[in-house]
Amino acid sequence: MPDLLFLGPRGTYSEVGAKKALGFLGEDYTLRPVSTIPKIIDLINKTPDLLGVLPFENSIEGIVRPTIDNIYLSNVKIVAEIDIKIEHCLLSRFSDKTKIKHIISHPQALAQCQKYIVENFDEDIDLIPEASTARAANNLLDKDETYCAIASSDIAHELKFNILDKNIGDIKENKTRFVLVSTKKINLGKKNRTSIAFNTKNEPGALLKILQILYRHNLNLSFLESRPSKKVFGEYNFFADVDCSYEEQGLAFEEIKKECNYFKFLGSYPFL
């Protein structure tokens, strides 16, 4: 039985995304936590039977840079998109919120709950960053009642912790987009989004020419992000999501290729 890799440890939102992906895959996979995003992609590159679920973009904090950078440098393709609603909870081994002096969580989770923290704790509350919300929760196992964590209700139930407050994020419609990646072709339904990476010519209006091609073909650009090329200072690679399949709009993408120094197809896939 092949493995479906996710960013661990167990109890992360990445595991929630992986569990949702299991419902759409046609064969059985074993969920397997892996410590870092680069390691997940490296393992999939080396072992074609493996799949991985990676956080790609948060609706509040934006792009997950390790995911986009490592996909660009690898042979993996995006085969599905999975959206997960993020509902942060305040967790503790104890039940008295008034004794809390330290809050442990991932830096993004701490940032997404700033208003709640300000309204419920003194200005000297100690905010402790951790690699993931699940690791933050596990840290409470040897801590006293002055410590709590911001994490998911899933990890609270797994560790049998108290949920002191639910859905404490400042923005209630907080979502993270995860991508299912693989080096082999997997058909999970109608492909209604295509991801590409490209490097434009260094001349005025270069990016505008790409946008005009999409406009002429009546294609919606739903995502555009620039990242340093890591080769030449001031040179950038662009990452884009276009709402169509590559097969249906091949002519448009061929036109885009001609306007670029470099072009890479990152996958055509459905939303799950």
Protein backbone atom coordinates (compact mmCIF):
# COMPACT_ATOMS: atom_id res chain seq x y z
CA MET A 1 0.00 0.00 0.00
CA PRO A 2 1.66 3.30 -1.10
CA ASP A 3 2.06 6.29 1.20
CA LEU A 4 0.32 9.66 1.07
CA LEU A 5 2.79 12.11 2.61
CA PHE A 6 1.80 15.23 4.52
CA LEU A 7 3.60 17.89 6.54
CA GLY A 8 3.75 16.46 10.05
CA PRO A 9 3.47 15.75 12.83
CA ARG A 10 0.02 14.19 13.09
CA GLY A 11 -2.74 16.61 13.96
CA THR A 12 -1.69 19.38 11.54
CA TYR A 13 -4.07 20.99 9.06
CA SER A 14 -1.97 19.26 6.40
CA GLU A 15 -3.21 15.94 7.78
CA VAL A 16 -6.79 17.25 7.53
CA GLY A 17 -6.10 18.01 3.86
CA ALA A 18 -4.56 14.58 3.35
CA LYS A 19 -7.60 12.87 4.87
CA LYS A 20 -9.85 14.79 2.48
CA ALA A 21 -7.67 13.71 -0.45
CA LEU A 22 -8.04 10.07 0.59
CA GLY A 23 -11.74 10.33 -0.14
CA PHE A 24 -11.05 11.08 -3.81
CA LEU A 25 -8.19 8.70 -4.54
CA GLY A 26 -9.13 5.47 -6.25
CA GLU A 27 -6.81 3.23 -4.24
CA ASP A 28 -5.79 2.89 -0.61
CA TYR A 29 -2.96 5.01 0.73
CA THR A 30 -1.31 5.08 4.14
CA LEU A 31 -1.04 8.54 5.69
CA ARG A 32 2.59 9.31 6.56
CA PRO A 33 3.83 12.49 8.28
CA VAL A 34 7.09 14.00 7.03
CA SER A 35 9.03 16.76 8.79
CA THR A 36 9.57 19.30 5.98
CA ILE A 37 8.15 20.33 2.61
CA PRO A 38 11.48 19.85 0.73
CA LYS A 39 11.76 16.32 2.13
CA ILE A 40 8.22 15.45 0.96
CA ILE A 41 9.00 16.57 -2.59
CA ASP A 42 12.38 14.83 -2.58
CA LEU A 43 10.79 11.53 -1.50
CA ILE A 44 8.12 11.77 -4.22
CA ASN A 45 10.75 12.55 -6.85
CA LYS A 46 12.65 9.40 -5.87
CA THR A 47 9.61 7.10 -5.45
CA PRO A 48 6.89 7.48 -8.13
CA ASP A 49 4.25 5.57 -6.14
CA LEU A 50 4.21 8.22 -3.40
CA LEU A 51 1.80 11.16 -3.30
CA GLY A 52 2.00 14.28 -1.16
CA VAL A 53 -0.29 16.96 0.21
CA LEU A 54 1.35 20.38 0.64
CA PRO A 55 0.06 23.73 1.95
CA PHE A 56 0.15 26.16 -0.98
CA GLU A 57 -1.63 29.38 -0.01
CA ASN A 58 -3.45 30.80 3.00
CA SER A 59 -6.25 33.30 2.48
CA ILE A 60 -4.74 35.62 5.14
CA GLU A 61 -0.98 35.06 5.13
CA GLY A 62 -0.58 34.36 1.41
CA ILE A 63 1.74 31.98 -0.42
CA VAL A 64 3.67 29.17 1.30
CA ARG A 65 7.11 29.88 -0.16
CA PRO A 66 8.79 26.49 0.51
CA THR A 67 6.00 24.75 -1.44
CA ILE A 68 6.08 26.95 -4.51
CA ASP A 69 9.90 27.11 -4.65
CA ASN A 70 10.38 23.35 -4.30
CA ILE A 71 7.65 22.42 -6.79
CA TYR A 72 9.37 24.71 -9.30
CA LEU A 73 12.70 22.90 -8.86
CA SER A 74 11.27 19.36 -8.93
CA ASN A 75 9.60 16.88 -11.28
CA VAL A 76 6.33 16.72 -9.32
CA LYS A 77 3.08 17.98 -10.82
CA ILE A 78 -0.03 19.29 -9.10
CA VAL A 79 -2.85 16.76 -9.61
CA ALA A 80 -5.55 18.26 -7.37
CA GLU A 81 -6.39 21.28 -5.23
CA ILE A 82 -7.93 20.90 -1.77
CA ASP A 83 -9.36 23.81 0.23
CA ILE A 84 -9.55 23.45 4.01
CA LYS A 85 -11.25 25.89 6.39
CA ILE A 86 -8.89 26.82 9.21
CA GLU A 87 -10.56 27.02 12.63
CA HIS A 88 -8.01 27.68 15.34
CA CYS A 89 -8.80 26.67 18.91
CA LEU A 90 -7.24 27.50 22.27
CA LEU A 91 -6.08 24.23 23.85
CA SER A 92 -4.88 23.34 27.33
CA ARG A 93 -4.39 20.33 29.58
CA PHE A 94 -6.19 22.42 32.21
CA SER A 95 -9.44 24.37 32.33
CA ASP A 96 -8.61 27.75 33.90
CA LYS A 97 -7.87 30.30 31.16
CA THR A 98 -7.04 33.03 33.69
CA LYS A 99 -3.77 31.31 34.67
CA ILE A 100 -2.36 31.26 31.13
CA LYS A 101 0.89 33.20 30.63
CA HIS A 102 2.36 31.45 27.57
CA ILE A 103 0.79 30.65 24.18
CA ILE A 104 2.56 28.25 21.82
CA SER A 105 1.72 27.97 18.11
CA HIS A 106 2.93 28.30 14.55
CA PRO A 107 3.83 31.95 13.75
CA GLN A 108 1.03 32.14 11.17
CA ALA A 109 -1.54 30.90 13.68
CA LEU A 110 -0.35 33.45 16.24
CA ALA A 111 -0.64 36.19 13.61
CA GLN A 112 -4.12 35.02 12.59
CA CYS A 113 -5.37 35.21 16.19
CA GLN A 114 -3.88 38.57 17.20
CA LYS A 115 -7.19 40.26 17.97
CA TYR A 116 -8.33 37.36 20.15
CA ILE A 117 -5.01 37.36 22.05
CA VAL A 118 -5.15 41.13 22.68
CA GLU A 119 -8.75 40.97 23.92
CA ASN A 120 -8.27 37.94 26.19
CA PHE A 121 -4.76 38.27 27.64
CA ASP A 122 -2.50 40.90 29.20
CA GLU A 123 0.07 42.74 27.11
CA ASP A 124 2.87 40.70 28.70
CA ILE A 125 1.52 37.37 27.41
CA ASP A 126 4.43 35.25 26.13
CA LEU A 127 3.96 34.13 22.50
CA ILE A 128 6.15 31.13 21.65
CA PRO A 129 6.62 30.16 17.96
CA GLU A 130 6.70 26.48 16.98
CA ALA A 131 7.20 24.65 13.66
CA SER A 132 3.52 23.62 13.44
CA THR A 133 0.30 23.90 15.41
CA ALA A 134 0.45 20.16 16.11
CA ARG A 135 3.95 20.44 17.57
CA ALA A 136 2.71 23.33 19.68
CA ALA A 137 -0.06 21.16 21.11
CA ASN A 138 2.33 18.28 21.82
CA ASN A 139 4.57 20.69 23.73
CA LEU A 140 1.83 21.02 26.35
CA LEU A 141 2.30 17.41 27.45
CA ASP A 142 5.07 18.40 29.86
CA LYS A 143 3.92 21.97 30.62
CA ASP A 144 1.97 23.37 33.58
CA GLU A 145 -1.33 25.27 33.61
CA THR A 146 0.33 28.56 32.58
CA TYR A 147 0.85 27.17 29.05
CA CYS A 148 -1.68 26.73 26.24
CA ALA A 149 -1.55 26.25 22.48
CA ILE A 150 -3.39 27.46 19.41
CA ALA A 151 -4.13 24.46 17.21
CA SER A 152 -6.93 22.43 15.63
CA SER A 153 -9.74 20.64 17.40
CA ASP A 154 -8.47 17.39 15.80
CA ILE A 155 -5.22 17.44 17.77
CA ALA A 156 -7.14 18.45 20.90
CA HIS A 157 -9.32 15.34 20.61
CA GLU A 158 -6.31 13.14 19.82
CA LEU A 159 -4.38 14.34 22.89
CA LYS A 160 -7.53 14.59 25.06
CA PHE A 161 -6.93 18.27 25.79
CA ASN A 162 -9.52 20.85 26.80
CA ILE A 163 -10.75 23.25 24.12
CA LEU A 164 -11.04 26.55 26.00
CA ASP A 165 -12.28 28.57 23.02
CA LYS A 166 -13.24 27.58 19.46
CA ASN A 167 -12.72 29.34 16.13
CA ILE A 168 -10.61 32.15 17.61
CA GLY A 169 -9.13 33.40 14.34
CA ASP A 170 -9.55 37.10 13.61
CA ILE A 171 -11.04 36.30 10.19
CA LYS A 172 -13.63 33.54 10.36
CA GLU A 173 -13.43 32.63 6.67
CA ASN A 174 -9.77 31.65 6.95
CA LYS A 175 -8.85 28.95 4.41
CA THR A 176 -5.71 27.21 3.26
CA ARG A 177 -5.33 25.85 -0.22
CA PHE A 178 -3.47 22.54 -0.30
CA VAL A 179 -2.18 20.79 -3.42
CA LEU A 180 -1.90 17.08 -4.06
CA VAL A 181 1.35 16.38 -5.91
CA SER A 182 2.72 13.38 -7.78
CA THR A 183 5.22 12.43 -10.48
CA LYS A 184 2.70 10.10 -12.16
CA LYS A 185 -0.48 10.93 -14.03
CA ILE A 186 -3.61 10.70 -11.89
CA ASN A 187 -7.08 11.46 -13.22
CA LEU A 188 -9.32 12.71 -10.43
CA GLY A 189 -12.00 14.38 -12.53
CA LYS A 190 -12.50 17.39 -14.80
CA LYS A 191 -9.37 19.53 -14.94
CA ASN A 192 -10.50 23.10 -14.41
CA ARG A 193 -7.26 24.80 -13.35
CA THR A 194 -3.72 24.88 -14.76
CA SER A 195 -0.61 26.05 -12.90
CA ILE A 196 2.41 27.34 -14.79
CA ALA A 197 5.76 28.99 -14.02
CA PHE A 198 7.55 31.33 -16.37
CA ASN A 199 10.36 33.88 -16.64
CA THR A 200 9.64 36.85 -18.87
CA LYS A 201 12.01 38.70 -21.13
CA ASN A 202 13.69 41.66 -19.41
CA GLU A 203 11.94 44.41 -21.36
CA PRO A 204 9.10 46.91 -20.80
CA GLY A 205 5.64 45.37 -21.03
CA ALA A 206 6.87 41.76 -20.89
CA LEU A 207 4.37 40.68 -18.25
CA LEU A 208 1.62 42.71 -19.91
CA LYS A 209 2.05 40.63 -23.09
CA ILE A 210 1.33 37.45 -21.08
CA LEU A 211 -1.80 39.00 -19.56
CA GLN A 212 -2.98 40.16 -22.99
CA ILE A 213 -2.71 36.60 -24.33
CA LEU A 214 -4.94 35.36 -21.51
CA TYR A 215 -7.39 38.19 -22.20
CA ARG A 216 -7.57 37.41 -25.92
CA HIS A 217 -8.39 33.78 -25.13
CA ASN A 218 -10.96 34.82 -22.49
CA LEU A 219 -9.05 33.01 -19.72
CA ASN A 220 -9.28 33.96 -16.07
CA LEU A 221 -6.00 34.42 -14.17
CA SER A 222 -6.90 33.40 -10.61
CA PHE A 223 -3.42 33.57 -9.06
CA LEU A 224 -0.15 35.35 -9.84
CA GLU A 225 2.95 35.39 -7.64
CA SER A 226 6.55 36.43 -8.27
CA ARG A 227 9.58 34.81 -6.64
CA PRO A 228 13.30 35.63 -7.01
CA SER A 229 14.93 33.47 -9.68
CA LYS A 230 17.89 32.84 -7.32
CA LYS A 231 20.15 33.19 -10.37
CA VAL A 232 20.34 36.91 -11.16
CA PHE A 233 19.67 39.68 -8.65
CA GLY A 234 16.50 41.52 -9.63
CA GLU A 235 15.28 38.67 -11.88
CA TYR A 236 11.98 37.00 -10.99
CA ASN A 237 10.02 33.89 -11.86
CA PHE A 238 6.24 34.14 -12.06
CA PHE A 239 3.78 31.50 -10.91
CA ALA A 240 0.23 31.59 -12.24
CA ASP A 241 -3.04 29.70 -12.02
CA VAL A 242 -5.31 29.88 -15.05
CA ASP A 243 -8.89 28.61 -14.83
CA CYS A 244 -8.84 26.08 -17.67
CA SER A 245 -7.24 22.79 -18.59
CA TYR A 246 -3.94 22.74 -20.46
CA GLU A 247 -5.38 20.37 -23.06
CA GLU A 248 -8.34 22.65 -23.86
CA GLN A 249 -6.28 25.84 -24.14
CA GLY A 250 -3.00 24.55 -25.52
CA LEU A 251 -2.83 27.31 -28.15
CA ALA A 252 -2.89 30.04 -25.47
CA PHE A 253 -0.09 28.41 -23.51
CA GLU A 254 2.00 27.95 -26.67
CA GLU A 255 1.66 31.70 -27.28
CA ILE A 256 2.76 32.39 -23.71
CA LYS A 257 5.82 30.15 -24.15
CA LYS A 258 6.99 32.27 -27.10
CA GLU A 259 7.03 35.38 -24.93
CA CYS A 260 9.11 33.79 -22.15
CA ASN A 261 12.75 33.00 -21.48
CA TYR A 262 11.57 29.96 -19.53
CA PHE A 263 8.20 28.19 -19.21
CA LYS A 264 7.22 25.21 -17.04
CA PHE A 265 3.93 23.34 -16.84
CA LEU A 266 3.13 22.56 -13.18
CA GLY A 267 -0.10 20.63 -13.65
CA SER A 268 -3.73 20.63 -14.77
CA TYR A 269 -6.13 19.46 -12.09
CA PRO A 270 -9.58 19.61 -10.46
CA PHE A 271 -10.71 21.20 -7.21
CA LEU A 272 -11.56 18.51 -4.63
